[in-house]
PDB file of N, CA and C in Angstrom:
ATOM      1  N   UNK A   1     -14.648  77.698  35.553  1.00  0.00           N
ATOM      2  CA  UNK A   1     -13.523  78.952  35.252  1.00  0.00           C
ATOM      3  C   UNK A   1     -12.847  78.507  34.409  1.00  0.00           C
ATOM      4  N   UNK A   2     -12.380  78.945  33.233  1.00  0.00           N
ATOM      5  CA  UNK A   2     -11.145  79.479  32.766  1.00  0.00           C
ATOM      6  C   UNK A   2     -10.039  80.355  33.117  1.00  0.00           C
ATOM      7  N   UNK A   3      -8.962  79.553  33.368  1.00  0.00           N
ATOM      8  CA  UNK A   3      -7.361  80.994  33.879  1.00  0.00           C
ATOM      9  C   UNK A   3      -6.468  80.555  32.364  1.00  0.00           C
ATOM     10  N   UNK A   4      -5.751  81.554  32.983  1.00  0.00           N
ATOM     11  CA  UNK A   4      -4.592  81.816  31.658  1.00  0.00           C
ATOM     12  C   UNK A   4      -3.285  81.487  32.161  1.00  0.00           C
ATOM     13  N   UNK A   5      -2.476  80.710  31.628  1.00  0.00           N
ATOM     14  CA  UNK A   5      -1.342  80.403  32.618  1.00  0.00           C
ATOM     15  C   UNK A   5      -0.451  81.119  31.717  1.00  0.00           C
ATOM     16  N   UNK A   6       0.285  82.277  32.588  1.00  0.00           N
ATOM     17  CA  UNK A   6       1.645  82.808  31.304  1.00  0.00           C
ATOM     18  C   UNK A   6       3.098  82.239  31.375  1.00  0.00           C
ATOM     19  N   UNK A   7       3.445  81.690  30.924  1.00  0.00           N
ATOM     20  CA  UNK A   7       4.551  81.039  31.379  1.00  0.00           C
ATOM     21  C   UNK A   7       5.769  82.015  30.972  1.00  0.00           C
ATOM     22  N   UNK A   8       6.564  82.319  31.818  1.00  0.00           N
ATOM     23  CA  UNK A   8       7.662  83.069  31.342  1.00  0.00           C
ATOM     24  C   UNK A   8       9.381  82.493  31.576  1.00  0.00           C
ATOM     25  N   UNK A   9       9.984  82.315  30.702  1.00  0.00           N
ATOM     26  CA  UNK A   9      11.790  81.920  30.385  1.00  0.00           C
ATOM     27  C   UNK A   9      12.424  82.916  31.240  1.00  0.00           C
ATOM     28  N   UNK A  10      13.414  82.611  32.090  1.00  0.00           N
ATOM     29  CA  UNK A  10      13.942  83.511  32.873  1.00  0.00           C
ATOM     30  C   UNK A  10      15.102  83.126  32.660  1.00  0.00           C
ATOM     31  N   UNK A  11      16.258  83.826  32.346  1.00  0.00           N
ATOM     32  CA  UNK A  11      17.545  83.064  32.068  1.00  0.00           C
ATOM     33  C   UNK A  11      18.237  82.824  33.250  1.00  0.00           C
ATOM     34  N   UNK A  12      19.496  82.129  33.895  1.00  0.00           N
ATOM     35  CA  UNK A  12      20.413  82.201  35.164  1.00  0.00           C
ATOM     36  C   UNK A  12      20.994  81.524  34.635  1.00  0.00           C
ATOM     37  N   UNK A  13      22.334  82.619  35.307  1.00  0.00           N
ATOM     38  CA  UNK A  13      23.530  82.751  35.030  1.00  0.00           C
ATOM     39  C   UNK A  13      23.885  81.450  36.064  1.00  0.00           C
ATOM     40  N   UNK A  14      25.157  80.860  35.824  1.00  0.00           N
ATOM     41  CA  UNK A  14      25.958  79.880  36.372  1.00  0.00           C
ATOM     42  C   UNK A  14      25.147  78.389  36.683  1.00  0.00           C
ATOM     43  N   UNK A  15      23.739  78.704  35.951  1.00  0.00           N
ATOM     44  CA  UNK A  15      23.402  77.141  36.713  1.00  0.00           C
ATOM     45  C   UNK A  15      23.927  75.646  36.670  1.00  0.00           C
ATOM     46  N   UNK A  16      24.084  75.180  37.681  1.00  0.00           N
ATOM     47  CA  UNK A  16      24.725  73.652  37.686  1.00  0.00           C
ATOM     48  C   UNK A  16      26.620  74.323  37.754  1.00  0.00           C
ATOM     49  N   UNK A  17      26.480  75.383  37.903  1.00  0.00           N
ATOM     50  CA  UNK A  17      28.051  75.603  38.300  1.00  0.00           C
ATOM     51  C   UNK A  17      28.007  76.214  39.790  1.00  0.00           C
ATOM     52  N   UNK A  18      29.422  75.958  40.331  1.00  0.00           N
ATOM     53  CA  UNK A  18      29.547  75.617  42.174  1.00  0.00           C
ATOM     54  C   UNK A  18      30.890  76.435  42.426  1.00  0.00           C
ATOM     55  N   UNK A  19      30.990  77.011  43.263  1.00  0.00           N
ATOM     56  CA  UNK A  19      32.073  78.263  43.774  1.00  0.00           C
ATOM     57  C   UNK A  19      32.893  77.105  44.663  1.00  0.00           C
ATOM     58  N   UNK A  20      34.159  77.241  44.831  1.00  0.00           N
ATOM     59  CA  UNK A  20      34.734  76.299  45.575  1.00  0.00           C
ATOM     60  C   UNK A  20      34.817  75.826  46.905  1.00  0.00           C
ATOM     61  N   UNK A  21      34.223  76.838  47.470  1.00  0.00           N
ATOM     62  CA  UNK A  21      33.541  76.574  49.479  1.00  0.00           C
ATOM     63  C   UNK A  21      32.597  75.329  49.100  1.00  0.00           C
ATOM     64  N   UNK A  22      31.870  74.733  47.742  1.00  0.00           N
ATOM     65  CA  UNK A  22      30.700  73.887  48.155  1.00  0.00           C
ATOM     66  C   UNK A  22      31.430  72.852  47.911  1.00  0.00           C
ATOM     67  N   UNK A  23      32.716  73.106  46.669  1.00  0.00           N
ATOM     68  CA  UNK A  23      32.831  72.090  46.637  1.00  0.00           C
ATOM     69  C   UNK A  23      33.461  70.813  47.366  1.00  0.00           C
ATOM     70  N   UNK A  24      34.831  71.745  47.978  1.00  0.00           N
ATOM     71  CA  UNK A  24      35.056  71.298  49.119  1.00  0.00           C
ATOM     72  C   UNK A  24      34.257  70.758  50.012  1.00  0.00           C
ATOM     73  N   UNK A  25      33.321  71.160  50.563  1.00  0.00           N
ATOM     74  CA  UNK A  25      32.383  70.851  51.383  1.00  0.00           C
ATOM     75  C   UNK A  25      31.698  69.052  51.076  1.00  0.00           C
ATOM     76  N   UNK A  26      31.480  68.670  50.028  1.00  0.00           N
ATOM     77  CA  UNK A  26      30.856  68.283  49.172  1.00  0.00           C
ATOM     78  C   UNK A  26      31.909  67.081  49.094  1.00  0.00           C
ATOM     79  N   UNK A  27      33.122  67.046  49.167  1.00  0.00           N
ATOM     80  CA  UNK A  27      33.936  66.606  49.115  1.00  0.00           C
ATOM     81  C   UNK A  27      34.629  65.936  50.313  1.00  0.00           C
ATOM     82  N   UNK A  28      34.593  66.946  51.427  1.00  0.00           N
ATOM     83  CA  UNK A  28      34.877  66.687  52.586  1.00  0.00           C
ATOM     84  C   UNK A  28      33.412  65.929  53.364  1.00  0.00           C
ATOM     85  N   UNK A  29      31.963  65.980  53.147  1.00  0.00           N
ATOM     86  CA  UNK A  29      31.281  65.061  53.602  1.00  0.00           C
ATOM     87  C   UNK A  29      31.030  63.903  52.265  1.00  0.00           C
ATOM     88  N   UNK A  30      31.449  63.954  52.109  1.00  0.00           N
ATOM     89  CA  UNK A  30      31.800  62.362  50.767  1.00  0.00           C
ATOM     90  C   UNK A  30      32.701  61.572  51.483  1.00  0.00           C
ATOM     91  N   UNK A  31      33.706  62.010  51.989  1.00  0.00           N
ATOM     92  CA  UNK A  31      35.369  61.448  51.811  1.00  0.00           C
ATOM     93  C   UNK A  31      35.997  61.543  53.739  1.00  0.00           C
ATOM     94  N   UNK A  32      34.841  62.036  54.290  1.00  0.00           N
ATOM     95  CA  UNK A  32      34.865  62.201  55.901  1.00  0.00           C
ATOM     96  C   UNK A  32      36.364  62.774  55.912  1.00  0.00           C
ATOM     97  N   UNK A  33      36.824  64.059  55.400  1.00  0.00           N
ATOM     98  CA  UNK A  33      38.618  64.381  55.413  1.00  0.00           C
ATOM     99  C   UNK A  33      38.389  65.511  55.264  1.00  0.00           C
ATOM    100  N   UNK A  34      39.179  66.237  55.985  1.00  0.00           N
ATOM    101  CA  UNK A  34      39.966  67.800  56.048  1.00  0.00           C
ATOM    102  C   UNK A  34      39.721  68.142  54.530  1.00  0.00           C
ATOM    103  N   UNK A  35      39.431  68.996  54.094  1.00  0.00           N
ATOM    104  CA  UNK A  35      39.683  69.781  52.826  1.00  0.00           C
ATOM    105  C   UNK A  35      39.586  70.994  52.905  1.00  0.00           C
ATOM    106  N   UNK A  36      40.600  72.228  52.770  1.00  0.00           N
ATOM    107  CA  UNK A  36      39.879  73.428  52.865  1.00  0.00           C
ATOM    108  C   UNK A  36      39.511  73.838  51.540  1.00  0.00           C
ATOM    109  N   UNK A  37      38.864  75.027  51.312  1.00  0.00           N
ATOM    110  CA  UNK A  37      38.402  75.223  49.625  1.00  0.00           C
ATOM    111  C   UNK A  37      39.383  76.539  49.332  1.00  0.00           C
ATOM    112  N   UNK A  38      40.475  76.779  50.207  1.00  0.00           N
ATOM    113  CA  UNK A  38      41.587  77.792  50.265  1.00  0.00           C
ATOM    114  C   UNK A  38      42.923  77.587  49.649  1.00  0.00           C
ATOM    115  N   UNK A  39      42.944  76.138  50.512  1.00  0.00           N
ATOM    116  CA  UNK A  39      44.341  76.007  50.222  1.00  0.00           C
ATOM    117  C   UNK A  39      44.240  73.959  49.454  1.00  0.00           C
ATOM    118  N   UNK A  40      43.589  73.155  49.684  1.00  0.00           N
ATOM    119  CA  UNK A  40      43.584  71.998  49.271  1.00  0.00           C
ATOM    120  C   UNK A  40      43.145  71.967  48.017  1.00  0.00           C
ATOM    121  N   UNK A  41      42.158  72.951  47.418  1.00  0.00           N
ATOM    122  CA  UNK A  41      41.315  72.910  46.353  1.00  0.00           C
ATOM    123  C   UNK A  41      41.936  73.347  44.856  1.00  0.00           C
ATOM    124  N   UNK A  42      42.752  74.457  45.548  1.00  0.00           N
ATOM    125  CA  UNK A  42      43.371  75.248  44.337  1.00  0.00           C
ATOM    126  C   UNK A  42      44.780  74.541  43.851  1.00  0.00           C
ATOM    127  N   UNK A  43      45.209  73.374  45.126  1.00  0.00           N
ATOM    128  CA  UNK A  43      46.490  72.375  44.173  1.00  0.00           C
ATOM    129  C   UNK A  43      45.412  70.958  43.603  1.00  0.00           C
ATOM    130  N   UNK A  44      44.869  71.129  44.365  1.00  0.00           N
ATOM    131  CA  UNK A  44      43.907  69.817  43.368  1.00  0.00           C
ATOM    132  C   UNK A  44      43.570  70.180  42.240  1.00  0.00           C
ATOM    133  N   UNK A  45      42.429  71.437  42.187  1.00  0.00           N
ATOM    134  CA  UNK A  45      42.803  72.207  40.543  1.00  0.00           C
ATOM    135  C   UNK A  45      43.679  71.987  39.859  1.00  0.00           C
ATOM    136  N   UNK A  46      45.087  71.729  40.297  1.00  0.00           N
ATOM    137  CA  UNK A  46      46.574  72.343  39.260  1.00  0.00           C
ATOM    138  C   UNK A  46      46.994  70.796  39.015  1.00  0.00           C
ATOM    139  N   UNK A  47      46.824  69.754  40.013  1.00  0.00           N
ATOM    140  CA  UNK A  47      47.629  68.766  39.633  1.00  0.00           C
ATOM    141  C   UNK A  47      46.287  67.575  39.248  1.00  0.00           C
ATOM    142  N   UNK A  48      45.267  67.882  39.073  1.00  0.00           N
ATOM    143  CA  UNK A  48      44.059  66.550  39.036  1.00  0.00           C
ATOM    144  C   UNK A  48      43.196  67.897  37.384  1.00  0.00           C
ATOM    145  N   UNK A  49      43.787  68.632  37.007  1.00  0.00           N
ATOM    146  CA  UNK A  49      43.359  69.107  35.830  1.00  0.00           C
ATOM    147  C   UNK A  49      42.547  69.776  35.762  1.00  0.00           C
ATOM    148  N   UNK A  50      41.734  70.718  36.369  1.00  0.00           N
ATOM    149  CA  UNK A  50      40.754  71.746  36.183  1.00  0.00           C
ATOM    150  C   UNK A  50      40.852  73.022  35.868  1.00  0.00           C
ATOM    151  N   UNK A  51      42.804  73.311  36.052  1.00  0.00           N
ATOM    152  CA  UNK A  51      43.153  74.292  35.861  1.00  0.00           C
ATOM    153  C   UNK A  51      44.230  74.281  35.055  1.00  0.00           C
ATOM    154  N   UNK A  52      44.276  75.136  33.477  1.00  0.00           N
ATOM    155  CA  UNK A  52      45.489  74.490  32.892  1.00  0.00           C
ATOM    156  C   UNK A  52      46.747  75.621  32.873  1.00  0.00           C
ATOM    157  N   UNK A  53      46.755  76.074  33.677  1.00  0.00           N
ATOM    158  CA  UNK A  53      47.483  77.077  34.018  1.00  0.00           C
ATOM    159  C   UNK A  53      48.413  76.690  35.981  1.00  0.00           C
ATOM    160  N   UNK A  54      49.539  76.815  36.015  1.00  0.00           N
ATOM    161  CA  UNK A  54      49.871  76.885  37.472  1.00  0.00           C
ATOM    162  C   UNK A  54      49.251  78.159  38.650  1.00  0.00           C
ATOM    163  N   UNK A  55      49.077  79.331  37.958  1.00  0.00           N
ATOM    164  CA  UNK A  55      48.564  80.102  38.809  1.00  0.00           C
ATOM    165  C   UNK A  55      46.957  79.813  38.570  1.00  0.00           C
ATOM    166  N   UNK A  56      46.241  80.608  39.519  1.00  0.00           N
ATOM    167  CA  UNK A  56      45.054  81.346  39.131  1.00  0.00           C
ATOM    168  C   UNK A  56      44.206  81.372  37.870  1.00  0.00           C
ATOM    169  N   UNK A  57      43.353  80.620  37.523  1.00  0.00           N
ATOM    170  CA  UNK A  57      43.236  81.198  36.432  1.00  0.00           C
ATOM    171  C   UNK A  57      42.827  82.682  36.341  1.00  0.00           C
ATOM    172  N   UNK A  58      42.568  83.120  35.148  1.00  0.00           N
ATOM    173  CA  UNK A  58      42.628  84.779  34.399  1.00  0.00           C
ATOM    174  C   UNK A  58      41.631  84.566  33.839  1.00  0.00           C
ATOM    175  N   UNK A  59      41.586  83.538  32.759  1.00  0.00           N
ATOM    176  CA  UNK A  59      40.382  83.767  31.689  1.00  0.00           C
ATOM    177  C   UNK A  59      39.873  82.468  31.135  1.00  0.00           C
ATOM    178  N   UNK A  60      38.840  82.331  30.778  1.00  0.00           N
ATOM    179  CA  UNK A  60      38.198  81.549  30.963  1.00  0.00           C
ATOM    180  C   UNK A  60      38.905  80.277  29.889  1.00  0.00           C
ATOM    181  N   UNK A  61      40.513  81.110  29.190  1.00  0.00           N
ATOM    182  CA  UNK A  61      41.169  79.877  28.362  1.00  0.00           C
ATOM    183  C   UNK A  61      41.995  79.139  29.108  1.00  0.00           C
ATOM    184  N   UNK A  62      42.069  79.282  30.986  1.00  0.00           N
ATOM    185  CA  UNK A  62      42.395  78.513  31.644  1.00  0.00           C
ATOM    186  C   UNK A  62      42.219  78.202  32.622  1.00  0.00           C
ATOM    187  N   UNK A  63      40.906  77.666  32.280  1.00  0.00           N
ATOM    188  CA  UNK A  63      40.378  76.328  32.702  1.00  0.00           C
ATOM    189  C   UNK A  63      39.812  75.029  31.725  1.00  0.00           C
ATOM    190  N   UNK A  64      39.524  73.960  31.955  1.00  0.00           N
ATOM    191  CA  UNK A  64      39.222  73.094  31.292  1.00  0.00           C
ATOM    192  C   UNK A  64      37.831  72.974  31.801  1.00  0.00           C
ATOM    193  N   UNK A  65      36.809  73.188  30.349  1.00  0.00           N
ATOM    194  CA  UNK A  65      35.297  73.570  30.898  1.00  0.00           C
ATOM    195  C   UNK A  65      34.428  71.986  31.166  1.00  0.00           C
ATOM    196  N   UNK A  66      35.036  71.151  30.972  1.00  0.00           N
ATOM    197  CA  UNK A  66      34.615  70.194  31.508  1.00  0.00           C
ATOM    198  C   UNK A  66      34.543  69.874  33.069  1.00  0.00           C
ATOM    199  N   UNK A  67      35.699  70.560  33.872  1.00  0.00           N
ATOM    200  CA  UNK A  67      35.259  70.614  35.197  1.00  0.00           C
ATOM    201  C   UNK A  67      35.425  72.175  35.574  1.00  0.00           C
ATOM    202  N   UNK A  68      35.387  73.289  35.264  1.00  0.00           N
ATOM    203  CA  UNK A  68      35.485  74.576  35.524  1.00  0.00           C
ATOM    204  C   UNK A  68      35.234  75.277  34.759  1.00  0.00           C
ATOM    205  N   UNK A  69      34.725  77.123  34.839  1.00  0.00           N
ATOM    206  CA  UNK A  69      34.016  77.788  34.134  1.00  0.00           C
ATOM    207  C   UNK A  69      34.759  78.992  34.705  1.00  0.00           C
ATOM    208  N   UNK A  70      36.052  80.240  33.912  1.00  0.00           N
ATOM    209  CA  UNK A  70      35.890  80.944  34.695  1.00  0.00           C
ATOM    210  C   UNK A  70      34.687  82.382  34.068  1.00  0.00           C
ATOM    211  N   UNK A  71      34.562  82.989  35.418  1.00  0.00           N
ATOM    212  CA  UNK A  71      33.057  83.721  35.364  1.00  0.00           C
ATOM    213  C   UNK A  71      33.725  85.468  35.677  1.00  0.00           C
ATOM    214  N   UNK A  72      34.436  86.185  34.369  1.00  0.00           N
ATOM    215  CA  UNK A  72      34.952  87.453  34.147  1.00  0.00           C
ATOM    216  C   UNK A  72      33.794  88.234  35.166  1.00  0.00           C
ATOM    217  N   UNK A  73      32.642  88.257  35.550  1.00  0.00           N
ATOM    218  CA  UNK A  73      32.402  89.357  36.359  1.00  0.00           C
ATOM    219  C   UNK A  73      32.184  88.974  38.012  1.00  0.00           C
ATOM    220  N   UNK A  74      32.744  87.637  38.287  1.00  0.00           N
ATOM    221  CA  UNK A  74      32.957  86.765  39.467  1.00  0.00           C
ATOM    222  C   UNK A  74      34.681  87.473  39.774  1.00  0.00           C
ATOM    223  N   UNK A  75      34.941  87.057  38.668  1.00  0.00           N
ATOM    224  CA  UNK A  75      36.470  87.074  38.379  1.00  0.00           C
ATOM    225  C   UNK A  75      37.468  85.647  39.026  1.00  0.00           C
ATOM    226  N   UNK A  76      36.593  84.567  38.879  1.00  0.00           N
ATOM    227  CA  UNK A  76      36.632  83.519  39.815  1.00  0.00           C
ATOM    228  C   UNK A  76      36.051  82.594  38.499  1.00  0.00           C
ATOM    229  N   UNK A  77      36.317  81.204  39.192  1.00  0.00           N
ATOM    230  CA  UNK A  77      36.008  80.061  38.261  1.00  0.00           C
ATOM    231  C   UNK A  77      34.824  79.469  39.272  1.00  0.00           C
ATOM    232  N   UNK A  78      33.935  79.106  38.853  1.00  0.00           N
ATOM    233  CA  UNK A  78      33.222  77.770  39.135  1.00  0.00           C
ATOM    234  C   UNK A  78      32.925  76.568  38.712  1.00  0.00           C
ATOM    235  N   UNK A  79      32.764  75.278  39.214  1.00  0.00           N
ATOM    236  CA  UNK A  79      33.454  74.289  39.152  1.00  0.00           C
ATOM    237  C   UNK A  79      31.839  73.480  38.949  1.00  0.00           C
ATOM    238  N   UNK A  80      32.072  72.665  37.891  1.00  0.00           N
ATOM    239  CA  UNK A  80      30.620  71.637  37.907  1.00  0.00           C
ATOM    240  C   UNK A  80      30.944  70.498  38.569  1.00  0.00           C
ATOM    241  N   UNK A  81      29.580  69.824  38.343  1.00  0.00           N
ATOM    242  CA  UNK A  81      28.844  68.367  38.787  1.00  0.00           C
ATOM    243  C   UNK A  81      30.213  66.888  38.501  1.00  0.00           C
ATOM    244  N   UNK A  82      30.926  67.324  37.344  1.00  0.00           N
ATOM    245  CA  UNK A  82      31.915  66.305  36.875  1.00  0.00           C
ATOM    246  C   UNK A  82      33.030  66.432  37.823  1.00  0.00           C
ATOM    247  N   UNK A  83      33.451  67.637  38.333  1.00  0.00           N
ATOM    248  CA  UNK A  83      34.320  68.288  38.883  1.00  0.00           C
ATOM    249  C   UNK A  83      34.287  67.707  40.763  1.00  0.00           C
ATOM    250  N   UNK A  84      33.366  67.776  41.048  1.00  0.00           N
ATOM    251  CA  UNK A  84      32.581  67.099  41.951  1.00  0.00           C
ATOM    252  C   UNK A  84      33.050  65.426  42.363  1.00  0.00           C
ATOM    253  N   UNK A  85      32.497  65.040  41.400  1.00  0.00           N
ATOM    254  CA  UNK A  85      32.317  63.493  41.223  1.00  0.00           C
ATOM    255  C   UNK A  85      34.222  63.283  41.000  1.00  0.00           C
ATOM    256  N   UNK A  86      35.051  64.232  39.897  1.00  0.00           N
ATOM    257  CA  UNK A  86      36.198  63.430  39.778  1.00  0.00           C
ATOM    258  C   UNK A  86      36.946  63.470  41.107  1.00  0.00           C
ATOM    259  N   UNK A  87      36.273  65.160  41.643  1.00  0.00           N
ATOM    260  CA  UNK A  87      37.922  64.563  42.887  1.00  0.00           C
ATOM    261  C   UNK A  87      37.530  63.737  44.112  1.00  0.00           C
ATOM    262  N   UNK A  88      35.757  63.615  44.493  1.00  0.00           N
ATOM    263  CA  UNK A  88      35.206  62.120  45.156  1.00  0.00           C
ATOM    264  C   UNK A  88      35.907  61.341  44.628  1.00  0.00           C
ATOM    265  N   UNK A  89      35.550  60.593  43.564  1.00  0.00           N
ATOM    266  CA  UNK A  89      36.836  59.252  43.305  1.00  0.00           C
ATOM    267  C   UNK A  89      38.092  59.324  43.315  1.00  0.00           C
ATOM    268  N   UNK A  90      38.313  60.427  42.647  1.00  0.00           N
ATOM    269  CA  UNK A  90      39.910  60.514  42.845  1.00  0.00           C
ATOM    270  C   UNK A  90      40.807  60.432  44.267  1.00  0.00           C
ATOM    271  N   UNK A  91      40.298  61.064  44.968  1.00  0.00           N
ATOM    272  CA  UNK A  91      40.626  61.331  46.573  1.00  0.00           C
ATOM    273  C   UNK A  91      40.264  60.393  47.497  1.00  0.00           C
ATOM    274  N   UNK A  92      39.276  59.480  47.164  1.00  0.00           N
ATOM    275  CA  UNK A  92      39.266  58.411  47.789  1.00  0.00           C
ATOM    276  C   UNK A  92      40.521  57.906  48.152  1.00  0.00           C
ATOM    277  N   UNK A  93      41.142  57.696  47.215  1.00  0.00           N
ATOM    278  CA  UNK A  93      42.277  57.170  47.250  1.00  0.00           C
ATOM    279  C   UNK A  93      43.583  57.633  48.287  1.00  0.00           C
ATOM    280  N   UNK A  94      44.142  56.539  49.224  1.00  0.00           N
ATOM    281  CA  UNK A  94      44.837  57.848  50.017  1.00  0.00           C
ATOM    282  C   UNK A  94      46.497  57.993  49.155  1.00  0.00           C
ATOM    283  N   UNK A  95      46.729  57.149  48.531  1.00  0.00           N
ATOM    284  CA  UNK A  95      47.772  57.862  47.436  1.00  0.00           C
ATOM    285  C   UNK A  95      48.011  58.665  46.559  1.00  0.00           C
ATOM    286  N   UNK A  96      46.848  59.027  45.880  1.00  0.00           N
ATOM    287  CA  UNK A  96      46.155  59.906  45.385  1.00  0.00           C
ATOM    288  C   UNK A  96      46.680  61.372  45.940  1.00  0.00           C
ATOM    289  N   UNK A  97      45.957  61.488  47.182  1.00  0.00           N
ATOM    290  CA  UNK A  97      46.065  62.552  48.097  1.00  0.00           C
ATOM    291  C   UNK A  97      47.235  62.461  48.556  1.00  0.00           C
ATOM    292  N   UNK A  98      48.348  61.567  48.624  1.00  0.00           N
ATOM    293  CA  UNK A  98      49.809  61.881  49.007  1.00  0.00           C
ATOM    294  C   UNK A  98      50.630  62.255  47.624  1.00  0.00           C
ATOM    295  N   UNK A  99      49.978  62.062  46.666  1.00  0.00           N
ATOM    296  CA  UNK A  99      50.426  62.235  45.065  1.00  0.00           C
ATOM    297  C   UNK A  99      50.266  64.103  45.231  1.00  0.00           C
ATOM    298  N   UNK A 100      48.516  64.206  45.265  1.00  0.00           N
ATOM    299  CA  UNK A 100      48.877  65.870  45.200  1.00  0.00           C
ATOM    300  C   UNK A 100      49.261  66.634  46.234  1.00  0.00           C
ATOM    301  N   UNK A 101      48.684  66.599  47.208  1.00  0.00           N
ATOM    302  CA  UNK A 101      49.157  67.171  48.210  1.00  0.00           C
ATOM    303  C   UNK A 101      50.212  67.215  49.257  1.00  0.00           C
ATOM    304  N   UNK A 102      51.093  65.899  49.202  1.00  0.00           N
ATOM    305  CA  UNK A 102      51.971  65.237  49.938  1.00  0.00           C
ATOM    306  C   UNK A 102      51.959  64.606  50.924  1.00  0.00           C
ATOM    307  N   UNK A 103      50.728  64.655  51.449  1.00  0.00           N
ATOM    308  CA  UNK A 103      50.257  63.599  52.820  1.00  0.00           C
ATOM    309  C   UNK A 103      49.262  63.386  52.205  1.00  0.00           C
ATOM    310  N   UNK A 104      48.459  62.741  53.382  1.00  0.00           N
ATOM    311  CA  UNK A 104      47.383  61.538  53.408  1.00  0.00           C
ATOM    312  C   UNK A 104      46.237  63.409  54.351  1.00  0.00           C
ATOM    313  N   UNK A 105      45.256  63.054  53.522  1.00  0.00           N
ATOM    314  CA  UNK A 105      44.297  64.604  54.027  1.00  0.00           C
ATOM    315  C   UNK A 105      43.997  63.445  55.809  1.00  0.00           C
ATOM    316  N   UNK A 106      43.785  64.855  56.338  1.00  0.00           N
ATOM    317  CA  UNK A 106      43.268  64.130  57.979  1.00  0.00           C
ATOM    318  C   UNK A 106      41.661  63.342  58.102  1.00  0.00           C
ATOM    319  N   UNK A 107      40.998  63.121  58.755  1.00  0.00           N
ATOM    320  CA  UNK A 107      39.858  62.864  58.718  1.00  0.00           C
ATOM    321  C   UNK A 107      39.515  63.706  59.876  1.00  0.00           C
ATOM    322  N   UNK A 108      38.492  63.929  59.833  1.00  0.00           N
ATOM    323  CA  UNK A 108      37.511  64.897  60.445  1.00  0.00           C
ATOM    324  C   UNK A 108      36.842  64.655  61.746  1.00  0.00           C
TER     325      UNK A 108
END
């Protein structure tokens, strides 16, 4: 029996991009600290370089594309594996936590 296989390519938007909640969960799981996606993560974005602006990004020019990409449809940023890895590496140091947040993150 001979069969035909039809291969179809489907474009996927935001492949390998993650929302802030997922990023915070990965950091919490890796470091065992309380890190909020709504309060801690935006501070880290500003102080550790994911965002090029002091406010919430409003365009693709407000993000460092190594770490985040502004999605005009979502009107929000999505984040890369590189950003997750950078946060885990940087925030593993209590001195960096104090520099970024003004205090050490509480353990889980």
